[in-house]
C-alpha atoms as a PDB file:
ATOM      1  CA  UNK A   1      -2.335 -37.039  10.946  1.00  0.00           C
ATOM      2  CA  UNK A   2      -6.010 -37.967  11.485  1.00  0.00           C
ATOM      3  CA  UNK A   3      -8.958 -35.345  10.503  1.00  0.00           C
ATOM      4  CA  UNK A   4      -9.791 -35.042  14.040  1.00  0.00           C
ATOM      5  CA  UNK A   5      -6.067 -34.087  15.384  1.00  0.00           C
ATOM      6  CA  UNK A   6      -5.939 -31.454  12.670  1.00  0.00           C
ATOM      7  CA  UNK A   7      -9.389 -30.068  13.984  1.00  0.00           C
ATOM      8  CA  UNK A   8      -7.618 -29.955  17.111  1.00  0.00           C
ATOM      9  CA  UNK A   9      -4.534 -28.336  16.266  1.00  0.00           C
ATOM     10  CA  UNK A  10      -6.532 -25.966  14.329  1.00  0.00           C
ATOM     11  CA  UNK A  11      -9.142 -25.215  17.231  1.00  0.00           C
ATOM     12  CA  UNK A  12      -6.100 -24.847  19.450  1.00  0.00           C
ATOM     13  CA  UNK A  13      -4.202 -22.182  17.205  1.00  0.00           C
ATOM     14  CA  UNK A  14      -7.289 -20.457  16.497  1.00  0.00           C
ATOM     15  CA  UNK A  15      -7.650 -19.909  20.207  1.00  0.00           C
ATOM     16  CA  UNK A  16      -4.091 -18.915  20.562  1.00  0.00           C
ATOM     17  CA  UNK A  17      -4.851 -16.328  18.037  1.00  0.00           C
ATOM     18  CA  UNK A  18      -7.379 -15.294  19.706  1.00  0.00           C
ATOM     19  CA  UNK A  19      -6.099 -14.845  22.631  1.00  0.00           C
ATOM     20  CA  UNK A  20      -2.930 -12.950  21.455  1.00  0.00           C
ATOM     21  CA  UNK A  21      -5.159 -10.313  19.286  1.00  0.00           C
ATOM     22  CA  UNK A  22      -7.320  -9.783  22.811  1.00  0.00           C
ATOM     23  CA  UNK A  23      -4.356  -9.436  24.422  1.00  0.00           C
ATOM     24  CA  UNK A  24      -2.657  -7.146  22.027  1.00  0.00           C
ATOM     25  CA  UNK A  25      -6.141  -4.962  21.674  1.00  0.00           C
ATOM     26  CA  UNK A  26      -5.912  -4.600  25.807  1.00  0.00           C
ATOM     27  CA  UNK A  27      -2.944  -3.439  25.721  1.00  0.00           C
ATOM     28  CA  UNK A  28      -3.529  -1.015  23.085  1.00  0.00           C
ATOM     29  CA  UNK A  29      -6.772   0.571  24.809  1.00  0.00           C
ATOM     30  CA  UNK A  30      -4.409   0.859  27.910  1.00  0.00           C
ATOM     31  CA  UNK A  31      -1.940   2.679  26.054  1.00  0.00           C
ATOM     32  CA  UNK A  32      -4.104   4.990  24.412  1.00  0.00           C
ATOM     33  CA  UNK A  33      -5.899   5.452  27.866  1.00  0.00           C
ATOM     34  CA  UNK A  34      -2.526   6.432  29.448  1.00  0.00           C
ATOM     35  CA  UNK A  35      -1.929   8.997  26.214  1.00  0.00           C
ATOM     36  CA  UNK A  36      -5.427  10.730  26.903  1.00  0.00           C
ATOM     37  CA  UNK A  37      -4.888  10.904  30.500  1.00  0.00           C
ATOM     38  CA  UNK A  38      -1.512  12.764  29.717  1.00  0.00           C
ATOM     39  CA  UNK A  39      -2.800  15.196  27.475  1.00  0.00           C
ATOM     40  CA  UNK A  40      -6.211  15.698  28.941  1.00  0.00           C
ATOM     41  CA  UNK A  41      -4.813  18.507  31.450  1.00  0.00           C
ATOM     42  CA  UNK A  42      -3.854  20.399  28.343  1.00  0.00           C
ATOM     43  CA  UNK A  43      -6.828  19.850  25.833  1.00  0.00           C
ATOM     44  CA  UNK A  44     -10.364  20.160  26.964  1.00  0.00           C
ATOM     45  CA  UNK A  45     -11.553  18.118  24.469  1.00  0.00           C
ATOM     46  CA  UNK A  46      -9.292  15.096  25.322  1.00  0.00           C
ATOM     47  CA  UNK A  47     -11.096  14.251  28.476  1.00  0.00           C
ATOM     48  CA  UNK A  48     -14.528  13.198  26.983  1.00  0.00           C
ATOM     49  CA  UNK A  49     -12.689  10.825  24.838  1.00  0.00           C
ATOM     50  CA  UNK A  50     -10.532   9.673  28.072  1.00  0.00           C
ATOM     51  CA  UNK A  51     -13.399   8.685  30.050  1.00  0.00           C
ATOM     52  CA  UNK A  52     -15.730   7.140  27.287  1.00  0.00           C
ATOM     53  CA  UNK A  53     -12.384   4.666  26.177  1.00  0.00           C
ATOM     54  CA  UNK A  54     -12.031   4.407  29.969  1.00  0.00           C
ATOM     55  CA  UNK A  55     -15.439   2.676  30.350  1.00  0.00           C
ATOM     56  CA  UNK A  56     -14.985   0.543  27.685  1.00  0.00           C
ATOM     57  CA  UNK A  57     -11.874  -0.807  28.867  1.00  0.00           C
ATOM     58  CA  UNK A  58     -13.783  -1.529  32.038  1.00  0.00           C
ATOM     59  CA  UNK A  59     -16.620  -3.040  30.159  1.00  0.00           C
ATOM     60  CA  UNK A  60     -14.192  -5.267  27.780  1.00  0.00           C
ATOM     61  CA  UNK A  61     -11.122  -6.103  29.761  1.00  0.00           C
ATOM     62  CA  UNK A  62     -12.859  -6.779  33.624  1.00  0.00           C
ATOM     63  CA  UNK A  63     -12.089 -10.166  33.412  1.00  0.00           C
ATOM     64  CA  UNK A  64      -8.749 -10.146  31.149  1.00  0.00           C
END
């Protein structure tokens, strides 16, 4: 394997790792939004957390 092939392979793996991390983060935030929304009706202090996380989700993952 040449050095150029090694760099290409490393770059591909790094990109795949980054994509996976972003996808896992997106799912985690979405699951957290679901739980906050579920408990927001029972606990008044949860609603502001839900709204803030919803805005973060929209900004961070609108194009994902």
